[in-house]
């Protein structure tokens, strides 16, 4: 739901408010986005620990880099600041 910045819950219709218990606990995905296009979403299995090795060996090597190459061809500059 979108509401103006600074809105209080009492100013928003109760029908639009939802509690977290009605939503999924979490979903972790990864995607590459550029002016040339986007890749498919890569869904991370629940409970997987994302560390440097998993990021490099699974996300990049198996999923994102092949998808990025299909969108960008040989034109590729990679920049992913830590988050």
N, C-alpha and C. Protein backbone atom coordinates (compact mmCIF):
# COMPACT_ATOMS: atom_id res chain seq x y z
N UNK A 1 0.83 -1.16 0.00
CA UNK A 1 0.00 0.00 0.00
C UNK A 1 0.89 1.24 0.00
N UNK A 2 0.53 2.22 -0.75
CA UNK A 2 1.24 3.48 -0.76
C UNK A 2 0.38 4.53 -0.07
N UNK A 3 0.99 5.35 0.74
CA UNK A 3 0.30 6.43 1.43
C UNK A 3 1.26 7.61 1.49
N UNK A 4 0.73 8.82 1.57
CA UNK A 4 1.61 9.99 1.65
C UNK A 4 2.56 9.90 2.84
N UNK A 5 3.78 10.38 2.65
CA UNK A 5 4.78 10.39 3.71
C UNK A 5 4.21 11.10 4.93
N UNK A 6 4.40 10.50 6.09
CA UNK A 6 3.91 11.08 7.33
C UNK A 6 2.50 10.67 7.70
N UNK A 7 1.85 9.86 6.87
CA UNK A 7 0.48 9.42 7.19
C UNK A 7 0.51 8.55 8.43
N UNK A 8 -0.49 8.69 9.25
CA UNK A 8 -0.65 7.86 10.43
C UNK A 8 -1.59 6.71 10.10
N UNK A 9 -1.45 5.58 10.79
CA UNK A 9 -2.32 4.43 10.53
C UNK A 9 -3.79 4.81 10.62
N UNK A 10 -4.15 5.67 11.56
CA UNK A 10 -5.56 6.03 11.74
C UNK A 10 -6.09 6.82 10.55
N UNK A 11 -5.20 7.38 9.70
CA UNK A 11 -5.63 8.14 8.54
C UNK A 11 -5.84 7.26 7.31
N UNK A 12 -5.50 5.98 7.43
CA UNK A 12 -5.61 5.05 6.31
C UNK A 12 -6.74 4.08 6.60
N UNK A 13 -7.52 3.78 5.60
CA UNK A 13 -8.65 2.87 5.76
C UNK A 13 -8.20 1.55 6.37
N UNK A 14 -8.91 1.08 7.39
CA UNK A 14 -8.57 -0.17 8.06
C UNK A 14 -8.63 -1.35 7.10
N UNK A 15 -9.42 -1.26 6.05
CA UNK A 15 -9.52 -2.34 5.07
C UNK A 15 -8.23 -2.52 4.28
N UNK A 16 -7.42 -1.46 4.20
CA UNK A 16 -6.18 -1.54 3.43
C UNK A 16 -5.00 -2.03 4.26
N UNK A 17 -5.12 -1.93 5.58
CA UNK A 17 -4.02 -2.33 6.45
C UNK A 17 -4.00 -3.84 6.62
N UNK A 18 -2.86 -4.42 6.59
CA UNK A 18 -2.69 -5.86 6.81
C UNK A 18 -1.62 -6.06 7.86
N UNK A 19 -1.75 -7.12 8.62
CA UNK A 19 -0.71 -7.44 9.58
C UNK A 19 0.27 -8.40 8.94
N UNK A 20 1.44 -8.50 9.49
CA UNK A 20 2.46 -9.40 8.95
C UNK A 20 2.03 -10.86 8.98
N UNK A 21 1.15 -11.22 9.87
CA UNK A 21 0.76 -12.63 9.95
C UNK A 21 0.04 -13.09 8.68
N UNK A 22 -0.45 -12.17 7.86
CA UNK A 22 -1.13 -12.56 6.63
C UNK A 22 -0.17 -12.65 5.44
N UNK A 23 1.08 -12.28 5.65
CA UNK A 23 2.06 -12.28 4.58
C UNK A 23 3.08 -13.40 4.76
N UNK A 24 3.75 -13.76 3.69
CA UNK A 24 4.83 -14.73 3.76
C UNK A 24 5.93 -14.19 4.67
N UNK A 25 6.65 -15.08 5.35
CA UNK A 25 7.71 -14.63 6.25
C UNK A 25 8.81 -13.93 5.47
N UNK A 26 9.27 -14.50 4.37
CA UNK A 26 10.28 -13.83 3.56
C UNK A 26 10.46 -14.57 2.24
N UNK A 27 10.93 -13.85 1.27
CA UNK A 27 11.35 -14.41 -0.01
C UNK A 27 12.59 -13.64 -0.41
N UNK A 28 13.67 -14.36 -0.70
CA UNK A 28 14.90 -13.70 -1.13
C UNK A 28 15.12 -14.00 -2.61
N UNK A 29 15.32 -12.93 -3.37
CA UNK A 29 15.54 -13.07 -4.80
C UNK A 29 16.74 -12.23 -5.21
N UNK A 30 17.28 -12.54 -6.37
CA UNK A 30 18.35 -11.75 -6.94
C UNK A 30 18.00 -11.53 -8.41
N UNK A 31 18.38 -10.37 -8.92
CA UNK A 31 18.11 -10.03 -10.31
C UNK A 31 19.16 -9.02 -10.78
N UNK A 32 19.47 -9.04 -12.03
CA UNK A 32 20.37 -8.05 -12.62
C UNK A 32 19.53 -7.08 -13.44
N UNK A 33 19.77 -5.78 -13.25
CA UNK A 33 18.99 -4.74 -13.93
C UNK A 33 19.95 -3.75 -14.58
N UNK A 34 19.68 -3.41 -15.82
CA UNK A 34 20.49 -2.40 -16.51
C UNK A 34 19.64 -1.72 -17.57
N UNK A 35 20.22 -0.73 -18.23
CA UNK A 35 19.52 -0.08 -19.33
C UNK A 35 19.27 -1.03 -20.50
N UNK A 36 20.07 -2.09 -20.58
CA UNK A 36 19.93 -3.06 -21.66
C UNK A 36 18.81 -4.06 -21.42
N UNK A 37 18.38 -4.19 -20.19
CA UNK A 37 17.33 -5.14 -19.86
C UNK A 37 17.50 -5.72 -18.47
N UNK A 38 16.69 -6.69 -18.15
CA UNK A 38 16.76 -7.35 -16.85
C UNK A 38 16.84 -8.86 -17.05
N UNK A 39 17.35 -9.53 -16.03
CA UNK A 39 17.39 -11.00 -16.05
C UNK A 39 16.13 -11.52 -15.37
N UNK A 40 15.93 -12.80 -15.45
CA UNK A 40 14.86 -13.43 -14.70
C UNK A 40 15.18 -13.35 -13.21
N UNK A 41 14.17 -13.42 -12.37
CA UNK A 41 14.40 -13.48 -10.93
C UNK A 41 15.02 -14.81 -10.57
N UNK A 42 16.01 -14.78 -9.69
CA UNK A 42 16.62 -16.00 -9.16
C UNK A 42 16.16 -16.11 -7.71
N UNK A 43 15.35 -17.13 -7.41
CA UNK A 43 14.84 -17.32 -6.06
C UNK A 43 15.85 -18.11 -5.24
N UNK A 44 16.16 -17.61 -4.06
CA UNK A 44 17.09 -18.26 -3.16
C UNK A 44 16.31 -19.21 -2.27
N UNK A 45 16.78 -20.43 -2.16
CA UNK A 45 16.10 -21.42 -1.31
C UNK A 45 16.08 -20.97 0.14
N UNK A 46 14.97 -21.19 0.84
CA UNK A 46 14.89 -20.81 2.26
C UNK A 46 16.01 -21.48 3.07
N UNK A 47 16.59 -20.72 3.97
CA UNK A 47 17.63 -21.25 4.85
C UNK A 47 19.04 -21.20 4.30
N UNK A 48 19.21 -20.81 3.03
CA UNK A 48 20.54 -20.75 2.44
C UNK A 48 21.29 -19.56 3.01
N UNK A 49 22.54 -19.78 3.42
CA UNK A 49 23.40 -18.72 3.93
C UNK A 49 24.12 -18.09 2.74
N UNK A 50 23.87 -16.81 2.51
CA UNK A 50 24.53 -16.11 1.41
C UNK A 50 25.88 -15.61 1.90
N UNK A 51 26.94 -16.25 1.45
CA UNK A 51 28.30 -15.81 1.75
C UNK A 51 29.02 -15.59 0.42
N UNK A 52 30.27 -15.22 0.49
CA UNK A 52 31.01 -14.94 -0.73
C UNK A 52 31.07 -16.10 -1.70
N UNK A 53 31.29 -17.30 -1.17
CA UNK A 53 31.39 -18.48 -2.04
C UNK A 53 30.06 -18.78 -2.72
N UNK A 54 28.96 -18.71 -1.98
CA UNK A 54 27.64 -18.98 -2.57
C UNK A 54 27.32 -17.92 -3.62
N UNK A 55 27.58 -16.66 -3.28
CA UNK A 55 27.30 -15.58 -4.23
C UNK A 55 28.08 -15.78 -5.52
N UNK A 56 29.37 -16.07 -5.40
CA UNK A 56 30.23 -16.24 -6.58
C UNK A 56 29.90 -17.51 -7.35
N UNK A 57 29.85 -18.65 -6.64
CA UNK A 57 29.74 -19.95 -7.31
C UNK A 57 28.32 -20.28 -7.78
N UNK A 58 27.33 -19.84 -7.04
CA UNK A 58 25.96 -20.19 -7.40
C UNK A 58 25.25 -19.03 -8.10
N UNK A 59 25.09 -17.92 -7.39
CA UNK A 59 24.33 -16.81 -7.98
C UNK A 59 24.99 -16.27 -9.24
N UNK A 60 26.27 -15.92 -9.16
CA UNK A 60 26.93 -15.34 -10.34
C UNK A 60 27.18 -16.37 -11.42
N UNK A 61 27.96 -17.41 -11.11
CA UNK A 61 28.39 -18.36 -12.14
C UNK A 61 27.23 -19.15 -12.77
N UNK A 62 26.28 -19.60 -11.95
CA UNK A 62 25.23 -20.48 -12.47
C UNK A 62 24.01 -19.72 -12.99
N UNK A 63 23.74 -18.54 -12.44
CA UNK A 63 22.48 -17.87 -12.79
C UNK A 63 22.67 -16.51 -13.44
N UNK A 64 23.26 -15.57 -12.70
CA UNK A 64 23.24 -14.18 -13.16
C UNK A 64 24.15 -13.91 -14.36
N UNK A 65 25.41 -14.35 -14.32
CA UNK A 65 26.31 -14.04 -15.43
C UNK A 65 25.84 -14.62 -16.77
N UNK A 66 25.39 -15.89 -16.83
CA UNK A 66 24.85 -16.37 -18.10
C UNK A 66 23.64 -15.56 -18.58
N UNK A 67 22.78 -15.17 -17.66
CA UNK A 67 21.61 -14.37 -18.03
C UNK A 67 22.01 -12.97 -18.47
N UNK A 68 22.98 -12.38 -17.78
CA UNK A 68 23.47 -11.05 -18.16
C UNK A 68 24.10 -11.09 -19.54
N UNK A 69 24.88 -12.13 -19.81
CA UNK A 69 25.51 -12.25 -21.14
C UNK A 69 24.47 -12.39 -22.24
N UNK A 70 23.36 -13.04 -21.95
CA UNK A 70 22.31 -13.17 -22.97
C UNK A 70 21.63 -11.84 -23.26
N UNK A 71 21.62 -10.93 -22.28
CA UNK A 71 21.03 -9.60 -22.46
C UNK A 71 22.05 -8.63 -23.03
N UNK A 72 23.28 -8.65 -22.50
CA UNK A 72 24.27 -7.62 -22.83
C UNK A 72 25.32 -8.06 -23.84
N UNK A 73 25.41 -9.34 -24.13
CA UNK A 73 26.46 -9.80 -25.04
C UNK A 73 27.83 -9.60 -24.42
N UNK A 74 28.76 -9.04 -25.19
CA UNK A 74 30.12 -8.81 -24.70
C UNK A 74 30.25 -7.51 -23.93
N UNK A 75 29.22 -6.68 -23.94
CA UNK A 75 29.26 -5.39 -23.25
C UNK A 75 28.83 -5.60 -21.80
N UNK A 76 29.83 -5.72 -20.90
CA UNK A 76 29.51 -6.02 -19.51
C UNK A 76 30.46 -5.30 -18.57
N UNK A 77 29.91 -4.51 -17.69
CA UNK A 77 30.63 -3.91 -16.57
C UNK A 77 29.86 -4.27 -15.33
N UNK A 78 30.52 -4.90 -14.38
CA UNK A 78 29.83 -5.40 -13.19
C UNK A 78 30.16 -4.52 -11.99
N UNK A 79 29.12 -4.07 -11.29
CA UNK A 79 29.31 -3.27 -10.07
C UNK A 79 28.17 -3.62 -9.12
N UNK A 80 28.51 -4.20 -7.99
CA UNK A 80 27.51 -4.55 -6.98
C UNK A 80 28.03 -4.14 -5.61
N UNK A 81 27.69 -2.92 -5.17
CA UNK A 81 28.16 -2.50 -3.86
C UNK A 81 27.60 -3.40 -2.76
N UNK A 82 28.32 -3.52 -1.68
CA UNK A 82 27.87 -4.33 -0.54
C UNK A 82 26.59 -3.76 0.01
N UNK A 83 25.72 -4.64 0.46
CA UNK A 83 24.46 -4.21 1.04
C UNK A 83 24.07 -5.14 2.17
